[in-house]
Amino acid sequence: MGRFVRWTALGAAAAMLVTGCSGSSSDGKNGKGSKGRGSDRPSAFAPSSGTGTKALPSSLTSQKLDWGRCRATDDSPAPDSEWQCAKLKAPLDWAKPDGTTIELALIRAKADGKDRIGSLLFNFGGPGGSGVSSMPSYASTVSQLRERYDLVSWDPRGVGASGGVRCRSDKEIQAAEEKIDATPDTTAEERAYFQDADDFGQGCRQDAGDRLAHVSTTDTARDMDLMRQVLGDREMHYFGISYGTELGGVYAHLFPRNVGRLILDAVVDPSADTVGHAENQARGFQRALDDYLKSTGQDPRRGTQKIADLLKRIDAKPLPTSSGRKLTQTLAVTGIVLPLYSESGWPSLTNALKAAEQGDGSGLLTLADGYNERDASGRYGTTTHSQRVISCLDDKQRPTAEETKKRLPEFEKISPVFGDFLAWDTAGWCHDWPVPGQYDSPEVSAPGAAPILVVGNTGDPATPYEGARRMADELGKNVGVVLTWKGEGHGAYGSGNDCVDSTVNSYLLDGTVPKDGKVCS
């Protein structure tokens, strides 16, 4: 399975779990909002100085996009005629802008109001999520924003229709699910775990070729500024969710003078390295599990131990399911993870756990299949493939098995349910990867940028709330502005909270920057 940081990658399974609740607000500094910098910022149709790339040829910056009717893909049907699709040419290697180019798939729906601001670019997370597939289904959530913005998204390089990567076949994926223990207990299981990681990496190398070294978050941030220029926008207006917040932070660092109105929702902690990020997620998912257990009237400590004991029994003897497949420990953990992304998923978790306690793994397997993008015919999506090639090019750290074993007690203390899995993931995810990583943690400082609205949810399992404050601090003084929602689930905007939605809408539509520290309850 893939790492837990994603949003759009959950696809239809997560969409069925989404719900919301209304709320009220209080300003952390008891003051009125202010107008952010907007159209008065200087024109910036060339990359900012200090970006480390050569000047772009006019063949790229002056290209005309051939917008036309979108076609159906393997993952989604063709959207309504209001949506248009096009291909953007970008350098394969940003150090050689005159060299080989790649094509990036874009989608848009034009603004339907009279007072248009420009384009609003969306990234829905992952990394590895397809914006072309996700944007139409998200349009109803942001319908008010469409009054003044063209809604635009894209498949980042290495994803979907932009040179998407497939590292192994459906048959190989299912075989790995059945045979590979993601929390190895024996020497043989450990050997198989790391061999599987090697095999996956080699599959990615064979499929991607030269692209494998050019799908980083930094590469995609540079693609974004090229999109800005080609779309004809003076500034970058952007809505990033989950991993999309990291991408937005990297963009702001590279092009601070081009920042317009940026929303970062469900925020990745930019100060965390590979191990720190895994620890953050262990805390976040354990916190969400505790909240779930409290909602059912259980003591969180006792309820957690009961689930941990169930997972141990499944590790020793996988459970049968109505499909004929077995529920392994790894699939069981995955099945528990999915419904924690949204409070509306909690009843399905209750039913699945109850059935598993009675010896039937069907419910948890169905949830795991939703997370892993497996359909009824046995076909798997490739979001986790793209997620891995992007994150392993980003992340420089390569923790060893011995280092991981020393950290296991610490991870188990953080979360008896998720700790082991996330600890071993730090060692196996990029083990013996074919290309080296680029950094320990992303640089997001953006001195001189316009105010960026950073939205954190106190009950977010995948991107814990603390990451929002750290992102704001890293962006810099007078740049990062934190909006807090005391809610549950992954992300805040569009979850039904009137306070969050109206604050974000006022920022994007009117340029009204809320006081740093505003709280929506």
Protein backbone atom coordinates (compact mmCIF):
# COMPACT_ATOMS: atom_id res chain seq x y z
CA MET A 1 0.00 0.00 0.00
CA GLY A 2 1.04 3.62 -0.30
CA ARG A 3 2.04 6.06 2.36
CA PHE A 4 -0.77 7.76 4.21
CA VAL A 5 -0.26 11.33 2.94
CA ARG A 6 -2.78 11.72 0.19
CA TRP A 7 -6.23 13.03 -0.47
CA THR A 8 -7.43 12.62 -4.02
CA ALA A 9 -5.80 9.19 -4.12
CA LEU A 10 -8.64 7.84 -2.02
CA GLY A 11 -10.94 8.28 -5.01
CA ALA A 12 -14.56 7.21 -4.87
CA ALA A 13 -14.14 5.26 -1.65
CA ALA A 14 -13.22 8.38 0.26
CA ALA A 15 -15.87 10.45 -1.48
CA MET A 16 -18.54 8.15 -0.08
CA LEU A 17 -17.27 8.87 3.41
CA VAL A 18 -17.19 12.67 3.16
CA THR A 19 -19.55 14.64 5.38
CA GLY A 20 -19.55 17.97 7.16
CA CYS A 21 -20.78 20.04 10.07
CA SER A 22 -21.46 23.75 10.45
CA GLY A 23 -19.57 25.90 12.89
CA SER A 24 -18.77 29.30 14.32
CA SER A 25 -15.55 31.25 14.65
CA SER A 26 -13.37 33.28 16.93
CA ASP A 27 -10.37 35.35 15.90
CA GLY A 28 -7.17 34.47 17.72
CA LYS A 29 -6.35 38.20 17.97
CA ASN A 30 -9.95 39.51 18.16
CA GLY A 31 -9.47 41.76 15.16
CA LYS A 32 -10.91 42.31 11.74
CA GLY A 33 -9.37 40.84 8.62
CA SER A 34 -7.26 42.90 6.26
CA LYS A 35 -6.91 43.09 2.52
CA GLY A 36 -4.03 41.03 1.14
CA ARG A 37 -1.85 42.08 -1.72
CA GLY A 38 -3.46 41.20 -5.00
CA SER A 39 -3.65 42.85 -8.40
CA ASP A 40 -1.34 45.70 -7.33
CA ARG A 41 1.66 43.35 -7.37
CA PRO A 42 4.14 43.80 -10.21
CA SER A 43 3.94 41.80 -13.38
CA ALA A 44 6.10 38.67 -13.34
CA PHE A 45 5.95 36.86 -16.65
CA ALA A 46 9.53 35.63 -16.32
CA PRO A 47 10.84 33.26 -13.63
CA SER A 48 11.96 35.02 -10.47
CA SER A 49 15.66 35.61 -9.99
CA GLY A 50 17.51 33.01 -8.00
CA THR A 51 15.45 30.08 -9.26
CA GLY A 52 18.54 28.25 -10.47
CA THR A 53 17.28 27.70 -14.04
CA LYS A 54 18.18 29.23 -17.36
CA ALA A 55 15.84 31.63 -19.12
CA LEU A 56 13.03 29.76 -20.83
CA PRO A 57 12.79 29.74 -24.63
CA SER A 58 9.81 31.50 -26.19
CA SER A 59 8.73 28.15 -27.64
CA LEU A 60 7.66 27.28 -24.09
CA THR A 61 6.53 30.61 -22.65
CA SER A 62 4.61 31.66 -25.76
CA GLN A 63 3.00 28.32 -26.54
CA LYS A 64 -0.74 28.36 -27.22
CA LEU A 65 -2.83 25.71 -25.54
CA ASP A 66 -5.20 23.83 -27.84
CA TRP A 67 -8.20 23.51 -25.54
CA GLY A 68 -10.74 20.90 -26.59
CA ARG A 69 -13.31 18.41 -25.32
CA CYS A 70 -11.92 16.11 -22.62
CA ARG A 71 -11.83 12.40 -23.33
CA ALA A 72 -12.56 9.49 -21.05
CA THR A 73 -9.57 7.88 -19.33
CA ASP A 74 -8.96 4.46 -17.86
CA ASP A 75 -9.82 5.90 -14.44
CA SER A 76 -12.77 8.17 -15.19
CA PRO A 77 -15.43 8.92 -17.82
CA ALA A 78 -15.32 12.05 -19.93
CA PRO A 79 -16.58 15.07 -17.96
CA ASP A 80 -19.37 17.40 -19.11
CA SER A 81 -18.78 19.69 -22.07
CA GLU A 82 -18.07 22.67 -19.79
CA TRP A 83 -14.68 21.09 -19.13
CA GLN A 84 -11.83 21.54 -21.59
CA CYS A 85 -8.51 19.72 -21.79
CA ALA A 86 -5.14 20.59 -23.30
CA LYS A 87 -1.46 19.60 -23.26
CA LEU A 88 1.34 21.87 -22.04
CA LYS A 89 4.94 21.34 -23.11
CA ALA A 90 7.56 21.58 -20.33
CA PRO A 91 11.27 20.72 -20.18
CA LEU A 92 12.03 17.17 -19.10
CA ASP A 93 15.11 18.54 -17.33
CA TRP A 94 14.68 22.06 -15.99
CA ALA A 95 18.45 22.52 -16.07
CA LYS A 96 18.18 22.15 -19.87
CA PRO A 97 15.10 24.19 -20.87
CA ASP A 98 16.08 24.01 -24.55
CA GLY A 99 16.26 20.22 -24.45
CA THR A 100 13.74 17.38 -24.54
CA THR A 101 10.20 18.28 -23.56
CA ILE A 102 7.36 16.36 -21.96
CA GLU A 103 3.61 16.93 -22.17
CA LEU A 104 1.48 17.76 -19.13
CA ALA A 105 -2.28 17.17 -19.22
CA LEU A 106 -4.43 20.12 -18.09
CA ILE A 107 -8.15 20.56 -17.47
CA ARG A 108 -10.20 23.71 -16.94
CA ALA A 109 -13.70 25.13 -16.61
CA LYS A 110 -13.93 28.82 -17.41
CA ALA A 111 -15.18 31.30 -14.83
CA ASP A 112 -18.94 31.74 -15.06
CA GLY A 113 -19.09 35.25 -13.53
CA LYS A 114 -18.35 38.66 -15.02
CA ASP A 115 -15.57 39.87 -12.67
CA ARG A 116 -12.88 37.31 -13.47
CA ILE A 117 -9.65 37.34 -11.41
CA GLY A 118 -7.72 34.70 -13.36
CA SER A 119 -6.90 31.01 -13.06
CA LEU A 120 -7.12 29.07 -9.79
CA LEU A 121 -4.79 26.08 -9.95
CA PHE A 122 -5.64 23.01 -7.86
CA ASN A 123 -3.47 20.15 -6.64
CA PHE A 124 -5.40 17.50 -4.72
CA GLY A 125 -2.55 15.70 -3.02
CA GLY A 126 -0.79 12.39 -3.14
CA PRO A 127 1.74 12.88 -4.42
CA GLY A 128 0.43 11.02 -7.41
CA GLY A 129 -3.18 12.16 -7.60
CA SER A 130 -4.65 13.02 -11.00
CA GLY A 131 -6.00 16.56 -11.16
CA VAL A 132 -7.58 15.89 -14.54
CA SER A 133 -9.71 13.13 -13.03
CA SER A 134 -10.39 14.87 -9.70
CA MET A 135 -11.19 18.44 -10.74
CA PRO A 136 -14.67 17.85 -12.22
CA SER A 137 -15.86 15.92 -9.17
CA TYR A 138 -14.59 18.69 -6.86
CA ALA A 139 -16.18 21.49 -8.85
CA SER A 140 -19.43 21.51 -6.85
CA THR A 141 -17.43 22.08 -3.66
CA VAL A 142 -15.78 25.18 -5.15
CA SER A 143 -18.68 26.42 -7.27
CA GLN A 144 -18.63 29.83 -5.57
CA LEU A 145 -14.96 30.25 -6.52
CA ARG A 146 -15.78 29.63 -10.15
CA GLU A 147 -17.66 32.91 -10.23
CA ARG A 148 -14.31 34.72 -10.43
CA TYR A 149 -11.77 32.05 -11.39
CA ASP A 150 -11.16 29.57 -14.15
CA LEU A 151 -10.90 26.26 -12.29
CA VAL A 152 -7.68 24.60 -13.51
CA SER A 153 -5.89 21.41 -12.56
CA TRP A 154 -3.41 19.04 -14.13
CA ASP A 155 -1.71 15.69 -13.90
CA PRO A 156 1.77 16.45 -12.52
CA ARG A 157 4.72 14.87 -14.29
CA GLY A 158 4.85 11.15 -13.59
CA VAL A 159 1.09 11.02 -12.97
CA GLY A 160 -1.82 9.83 -15.12
CA ALA A 161 -1.83 11.41 -18.57
CA SER A 162 1.44 13.27 -17.91
CA GLY A 163 3.76 10.31 -18.34
CA GLY A 164 2.21 8.29 -15.52
CA VAL A 165 4.28 5.43 -14.18
CA ARG A 166 3.19 1.81 -13.72
CA CYS A 167 5.77 -0.14 -11.76
CA ARG A 168 4.09 -3.56 -11.68
CA SER A 169 1.10 -5.41 -13.04
CA ASP A 170 -2.20 -5.99 -11.26
CA LYS A 171 -1.29 -9.63 -10.81
CA GLU A 172 2.02 -8.68 -9.20
CA ILE A 173 0.32 -6.16 -6.92
CA GLN A 174 -2.15 -8.75 -5.63
CA ALA A 175 0.63 -11.30 -5.14
CA ALA A 176 2.59 -8.81 -3.03
CA GLU A 177 -0.51 -8.04 -0.95
CA GLU A 178 -0.90 -11.73 -0.20
CA LYS A 179 2.73 -12.58 0.50
CA ILE A 180 4.56 -9.51 1.81
CA ASP A 181 4.37 -8.63 5.50
CA ALA A 182 4.89 -4.87 5.88
CA THR A 183 5.87 -5.37 9.54
CA PRO A 184 8.33 -8.28 9.24
CA ASP A 185 8.82 -10.41 12.35
CA THR A 186 11.34 -12.95 11.03
CA THR A 187 14.49 -12.89 8.96
CA ALA A 188 12.66 -14.50 6.06
CA GLU A 189 9.84 -11.92 6.18
CA GLU A 190 12.37 -9.10 6.36
CA ARG A 191 14.29 -10.44 3.38
CA ALA A 192 11.08 -10.74 1.36
CA TYR A 193 9.99 -7.23 2.38
CA PHE A 194 13.16 -5.58 1.12
CA GLN A 195 13.34 -7.76 -1.99
CA ASP A 196 9.83 -6.63 -2.86
CA ALA A 197 10.93 -3.00 -2.43
CA ASP A 198 13.88 -3.63 -4.76
CA ASP A 199 11.63 -5.26 -7.34
CA PHE A 200 9.17 -2.38 -7.22
CA GLY A 201 11.92 0.19 -7.72
CA GLN A 202 13.33 -1.69 -10.68
CA GLY A 203 9.86 -1.90 -12.19
CA CYS A 204 9.56 1.87 -11.89
CA ARG A 205 12.98 2.37 -13.50
CA GLN A 206 12.10 0.12 -16.43
CA ASP A 207 8.78 1.86 -17.05
CA ALA A 208 9.85 5.47 -16.47
CA GLY A 209 13.36 5.49 -17.91
CA ASP A 210 14.84 9.01 -17.93
CA ARG A 211 11.68 10.44 -16.39
CA LEU A 212 12.48 8.79 -13.04
CA ALA A 213 15.05 11.49 -12.26
CA HIS A 214 12.77 14.38 -13.28
CA VAL A 215 9.49 13.99 -11.37
CA SER A 216 10.38 15.81 -8.15
CA THR A 217 8.24 18.32 -6.30
CA THR A 218 10.71 21.02 -7.36
CA ASP A 219 10.29 20.04 -11.02
CA THR A 220 6.52 20.27 -10.66
CA ALA A 221 6.71 23.65 -8.91
CA ARG A 222 8.63 24.97 -11.91
CA ASP A 223 5.98 23.47 -14.19
CA MET A 224 3.40 25.47 -12.25
CA ASP A 225 5.09 28.77 -12.98
CA LEU A 226 5.28 27.90 -16.66
CA MET A 227 1.53 27.18 -16.51
CA ARG A 228 0.98 30.58 -14.92
CA GLN A 229 2.77 32.29 -17.78
CA VAL A 230 1.07 30.29 -20.54
CA LEU A 231 -2.36 30.79 -18.95
CA GLY A 232 -1.68 34.54 -18.99
CA ASP A 233 -1.80 35.16 -15.24
CA ARG A 234 0.24 37.89 -13.55
CA GLU A 235 0.20 35.95 -10.28
CA MET A 236 -0.19 32.37 -9.14
CA HIS A 237 -3.54 31.72 -7.46
CA TYR A 238 -3.45 28.21 -6.02
CA PHE A 239 -5.39 25.75 -3.86
CA GLY A 240 -3.23 22.92 -2.52
CA ILE A 241 -4.57 20.03 -0.43
CA SER A 242 -2.50 17.53 1.59
CA TYR A 243 0.74 16.94 -0.38
CA GLY A 244 -0.42 19.89 -2.47
CA THR A 245 0.47 22.11 0.50
CA GLU A 246 4.10 20.99 0.29
CA LEU A 247 4.05 21.66 -3.44
CA GLY A 248 2.57 25.11 -2.81
CA GLY A 249 5.22 25.89 -0.21
CA VAL A 250 8.01 24.88 -2.59
CA TYR A 251 6.46 27.06 -5.31
CA ALA A 252 6.31 30.05 -2.95
CA HIS A 253 9.98 29.55 -2.08
CA LEU A 254 11.05 29.43 -5.73
CA PHE A 255 8.78 32.23 -6.95
CA PRO A 256 7.83 34.45 -3.98
CA ARG A 257 7.19 37.53 -6.15
CA ASN A 258 4.71 35.56 -8.26
CA VAL A 259 2.54 34.51 -5.31
CA GLY A 260 -1.02 35.78 -5.51
CA ARG A 261 -3.60 34.08 -3.31
CA LEU A 262 -2.50 30.66 -2.07
CA ILE A 263 -4.57 28.29 0.09
CA LEU A 264 -2.80 25.39 1.81
CA ASP A 265 -5.33 22.98 3.39
CA ALA A 266 -4.44 19.76 5.30
CA VAL A 267 -0.86 20.85 5.73
CA VAL A 268 2.25 18.68 5.49
CA ASP A 269 4.89 19.61 8.08
CA PRO A 270 7.77 21.02 5.98
CA SER A 271 10.24 20.74 8.86
CA ALA A 272 9.90 16.95 9.20
CA ASP A 273 12.31 14.52 7.57
CA THR A 274 11.36 10.96 6.57
CA VAL A 275 11.35 9.62 10.12
CA GLY A 276 9.76 12.75 11.60
CA HIS A 277 6.99 12.62 9.04
CA ALA A 278 6.25 8.98 9.89
CA GLU A 279 6.14 9.87 13.60
CA ASN A 280 3.75 12.73 12.84
CA GLN A 281 1.43 10.41 10.98
CA ALA A 282 1.56 7.79 13.72
CA ARG A 283 0.42 10.49 16.17
CA GLY A 284 -2.21 11.81 13.78
CA PHE A 285 -3.84 8.49 13.01
CA GLN A 286 -3.67 7.39 16.65
CA ARG A 287 -5.34 10.67 17.63
CA ALA A 288 -8.10 10.05 15.08
CA LEU A 289 -8.46 6.46 16.29
CA ASP A 290 -8.78 7.69 19.88
CA ASP A 291 -11.49 10.12 18.84
CA TYR A 292 -13.30 7.35 16.98
CA LEU A 293 -13.11 5.04 19.99
CA LYS A 294 -14.43 7.76 22.30
CA SER A 295 -17.37 8.27 19.93
CA THR A 296 -18.33 4.61 20.42
CA GLY A 297 -18.11 4.88 24.20
CA GLN A 298 -14.84 2.97 24.49
CA ASP A 299 -11.79 3.87 26.51
CA PRO A 300 -9.17 4.81 23.86
CA ARG A 301 -6.35 2.90 25.53
CA ARG A 302 -8.34 -0.29 25.94
CA GLY A 303 -9.93 0.03 22.51
CA THR A 304 -6.53 0.55 20.89
CA GLN A 305 -5.12 -2.52 22.62
CA LYS A 306 -8.10 -4.58 21.47
CA ILE A 307 -7.43 -3.59 17.84
CA ALA A 308 -3.68 -4.22 18.25
CA ASP A 309 -4.42 -7.70 19.60
CA LEU A 310 -6.74 -8.34 16.63
CA LEU A 311 -3.97 -7.35 14.21
CA LYS A 312 -1.56 -9.73 15.91
CA ARG A 313 -4.02 -12.59 15.46
CA ILE A 314 -4.49 -11.68 11.81
CA ASP A 315 -0.70 -11.56 11.36
CA ALA A 316 -0.51 -15.13 12.62
CA LYS A 317 -3.58 -16.31 10.68
CA PRO A 318 -5.12 -14.13 7.94
CA LEU A 319 -8.90 -13.95 7.97
CA PRO A 320 -11.16 -15.42 5.29
CA THR A 321 -13.41 -13.10 3.27
CA SER A 322 -16.47 -13.48 1.07
CA SER A 323 -14.31 -12.80 -2.01
CA GLY A 324 -12.12 -15.82 -1.39
CA ARG A 325 -9.08 -13.61 -0.78
CA LYS A 326 -7.43 -13.46 2.62
CA LEU A 327 -7.26 -10.42 4.87
CA THR A 328 -3.61 -10.02 5.91
CA GLN A 329 -2.36 -7.81 8.70
CA THR A 330 -1.16 -5.19 6.22
CA LEU A 331 -4.53 -5.10 4.46
CA ALA A 332 -6.28 -4.89 7.84
CA VAL A 333 -4.24 -1.84 8.84
CA THR A 334 -5.04 -0.28 5.47
CA GLY A 335 -8.73 -0.96 6.02
CA ILE A 336 -8.61 0.80 9.38
CA VAL A 337 -6.82 3.81 7.89
CA LEU A 338 -9.38 4.65 5.17
CA PRO A 339 -12.43 5.44 7.36
CA LEU A 340 -10.30 7.58 9.67
CA TYR A 341 -9.94 10.11 6.84
CA SER A 342 -13.52 11.26 7.45
CA GLU A 343 -15.79 11.12 10.49
CA SER A 344 -18.59 9.81 8.27
CA GLY A 345 -16.50 6.69 7.74
CA TRP A 346 -16.55 5.74 11.41
CA PRO A 347 -19.73 3.58 11.23
CA SER A 348 -18.17 1.49 8.45
CA LEU A 349 -15.10 0.99 10.64
CA THR A 350 -17.31 -0.17 13.52
CA ASN A 351 -19.01 -2.76 11.32
CA ALA A 352 -15.75 -3.97 9.77
CA LEU A 353 -13.99 -4.37 13.14
CA LYS A 354 -16.98 -6.19 14.62
CA ALA A 355 -17.00 -8.63 11.72
CA ALA A 356 -13.23 -9.15 11.96
CA GLU A 357 -13.52 -9.96 15.67
CA GLN A 358 -15.99 -12.65 14.64
CA GLY A 359 -13.57 -14.08 12.07
CA ASP A 360 -14.81 -12.37 8.88
CA GLY A 361 -12.33 -10.03 7.17
CA SER A 362 -14.65 -8.97 4.34
CA GLY A 363 -15.41 -5.50 5.69
CA LEU A 364 -11.81 -4.49 6.30
CA LEU A 365 -10.77 -5.93 2.94
CA THR A 366 -13.41 -3.84 1.15
CA LEU A 367 -12.10 -0.71 2.88
CA ALA A 368 -8.50 -1.65 2.04
CA ASP A 369 -9.43 -2.17 -1.61
CA GLY A 370 -10.95 1.31 -1.65
CA TYR A 371 -7.72 2.79 -0.37
CA ASN A 372 -5.62 0.74 -2.80
CA GLU A 373 -7.85 1.67 -5.77
CA ARG A 374 -8.74 -1.95 -6.51
CA ASP A 375 -11.97 -2.47 -8.40
CA ALA A 376 -14.20 -5.54 -8.47
CA SER A 377 -12.40 -6.95 -11.50
CA GLY A 378 -9.04 -6.92 -9.73
CA ARG A 379 -7.68 -3.86 -11.51
CA TYR A 380 -5.57 -1.47 -9.41
CA GLY A 381 -4.98 2.22 -9.84
CA THR A 382 -1.44 3.57 -10.09
CA THR A 383 -1.58 6.49 -7.66
CA THR A 384 0.76 4.72 -5.24
CA HIS A 385 3.23 4.07 -8.07
CA SER A 386 3.43 7.77 -8.87
CA GLN A 387 3.43 8.60 -5.17
CA ARG A 388 6.51 6.47 -4.67
CA VAL A 389 8.54 7.72 -7.64
CA ILE A 390 7.91 11.34 -6.64
CA SER A 391 8.54 11.00 -2.92
CA CYS A 392 11.65 8.84 -3.36
CA LEU A 393 13.14 11.45 -5.68
CA ASP A 394 12.31 14.13 -3.10
CA ASP A 395 13.45 12.33 0.07
CA LYS A 396 17.18 11.99 0.60
CA GLN A 397 16.97 9.85 3.74
CA ARG A 398 17.26 6.09 3.38
CA PRO A 399 16.86 4.58 6.90
CA THR A 400 18.30 1.09 7.23
CA ALA A 401 16.64 -1.98 8.71
CA GLU A 402 18.87 -1.79 11.79
CA GLU A 403 18.06 1.87 12.37
CA THR A 404 14.37 1.08 12.02
CA LYS A 405 14.51 -1.78 14.52
CA LYS A 406 16.02 0.57 17.09
CA ARG A 407 13.14 3.00 16.54
CA LEU A 408 10.37 0.41 16.78
CA PRO A 409 9.75 0.83 20.55
CA GLU A 410 9.36 4.58 20.07
CA PHE A 411 6.89 4.14 17.21
CA GLU A 412 4.95 1.47 19.10
CA LYS A 413 4.65 3.82 22.04
CA ILE A 414 3.22 6.53 19.80
CA SER A 415 0.71 4.10 18.27
CA PRO A 416 0.32 0.38 19.03
CA VAL A 417 -1.83 0.08 15.87
CA PHE A 418 0.02 2.16 13.25
CA GLY A 419 3.52 2.55 14.74
CA ASP A 420 5.15 -0.63 13.44
CA PHE A 421 3.82 -0.16 9.94
CA LEU A 422 4.97 3.44 9.67
CA ALA A 423 8.38 2.66 11.17
CA TRP A 424 9.10 -0.13 8.70
CA ASP A 425 7.78 2.04 5.88
CA THR A 426 10.64 4.50 6.43
CA ALA A 427 13.10 1.72 5.60
CA GLY A 428 11.22 -0.08 2.84
CA TRP A 429 9.56 2.70 0.86
CA CYS A 430 12.71 3.95 -0.92
CA HIS A 431 15.01 1.01 -0.20
CA ASP A 432 17.76 0.74 -2.83
CA TRP A 433 15.91 3.25 -5.01
CA PRO A 434 17.38 3.64 -8.52
CA VAL A 435 17.91 7.42 -8.20
CA PRO A 436 19.09 9.49 -5.19
CA GLY A 437 16.81 11.79 -3.24
CA GLN A 438 17.18 15.57 -3.22
CA TYR A 439 16.58 16.86 0.33
CA ASP A 440 15.91 15.94 3.95
CA SER A 441 12.97 18.34 4.10
CA PRO A 442 11.59 20.83 1.57
CA GLU A 443 12.58 24.50 1.63
CA VAL A 444 9.45 26.68 1.80
CA SER A 445 10.69 30.03 3.08
CA ALA A 446 9.12 32.76 0.95
CA PRO A 447 10.28 36.20 2.07
CA GLY A 448 8.44 38.98 0.30
CA ALA A 449 5.52 36.79 -0.78
CA ALA A 450 1.91 37.90 -0.35
CA PRO A 451 0.08 36.42 2.67
CA ILE A 452 -0.58 32.68 2.27
CA LEU A 453 -3.58 31.15 4.09
CA VAL A 454 -2.61 27.94 5.92
CA VAL A 455 -5.61 25.86 7.07
CA GLY A 456 -5.16 23.26 9.80
CA ASN A 457 -7.67 20.75 11.22
CA THR A 458 -7.12 19.63 14.82
CA GLY A 459 -8.52 16.17 14.03
CA ASP A 460 -6.61 15.55 10.80
CA PRO A 461 -5.11 12.03 10.84
CA ALA A 462 -2.87 12.15 7.76
CA THR A 463 -1.45 15.66 8.12
CA PRO A 464 -1.62 16.43 11.85
CA TYR A 465 -2.60 19.94 12.89
CA GLU A 466 0.86 20.87 14.17
CA GLY A 467 2.09 20.94 10.57
CA ALA A 468 -0.01 24.02 9.82
CA ARG A 469 1.76 26.19 12.38
CA ARG A 470 5.15 24.89 11.29
CA MET A 471 4.36 25.61 7.66
CA ALA A 472 3.35 29.16 8.53
CA ASP A 473 6.52 29.66 10.54
CA GLU A 474 8.70 28.29 7.73
CA LEU A 475 7.00 30.48 5.11
CA GLY A 476 8.12 33.46 7.16
CA LYS A 477 6.90 36.49 9.04
CA ASN A 478 3.92 38.26 7.49
CA VAL A 479 3.56 35.44 4.95
CA GLY A 480 2.04 32.38 6.66
CA VAL A 481 -1.41 33.01 8.18
CA VAL A 482 -3.00 30.14 10.15
CA LEU A 483 -6.71 29.33 10.15
CA THR A 484 -7.67 26.55 12.59
CA TRP A 485 -10.71 24.28 12.38
CA LYS A 486 -11.55 22.16 15.41
CA GLY A 487 -12.93 19.28 13.38
CA GLU A 488 -12.34 15.71 12.26
CA GLY A 489 -11.03 14.25 9.02
CA HIS A 490 -8.44 15.06 6.40
CA GLY A 491 -8.78 18.69 5.30
CA ALA A 492 -11.14 21.48 6.29
CA TYR A 493 -12.55 23.38 3.29
CA GLY A 494 -15.72 21.85 1.90
CA SER A 495 -16.32 19.76 5.04
CA GLY A 496 -19.50 21.67 5.88
CA ASN A 497 -18.05 24.24 8.25
CA ASP A 498 -19.45 27.65 7.30
CA CYS A 499 -16.70 29.52 9.15
CA VAL A 500 -13.90 27.78 7.26
CA ASP A 501 -15.58 28.02 3.87
CA SER A 502 -16.51 31.70 4.21
CA THR A 503 -13.02 32.64 5.43
CA VAL A 504 -11.35 30.85 2.52
CA ASN A 505 -13.83 32.26 0.02
CA SER A 506 -13.33 35.82 1.30
CA TYR A 507 -9.57 35.41 0.97
CA LEU A 508 -9.71 34.03 -2.56
CA LEU A 509 -12.55 36.15 -3.91
CA ASP A 510 -11.98 39.47 -2.12
CA GLY A 511 -8.36 39.28 -0.96
CA THR A 512 -9.41 39.51 2.71
CA VAL A 513 -6.67 38.02 4.90
CA PRO A 514 -7.96 36.83 8.29
CA LYS A 515 -6.07 37.48 11.50
CA ASP A 516 -3.35 34.90 12.08
CA GLY A 517 -4.76 32.43 14.61
CA LYS A 518 -8.44 32.62 13.68
CA VAL A 519 -10.31 29.57 15.01
CA CYS A 520 -13.40 27.90 13.55
CA SER A 521 -15.18 25.50 15.89
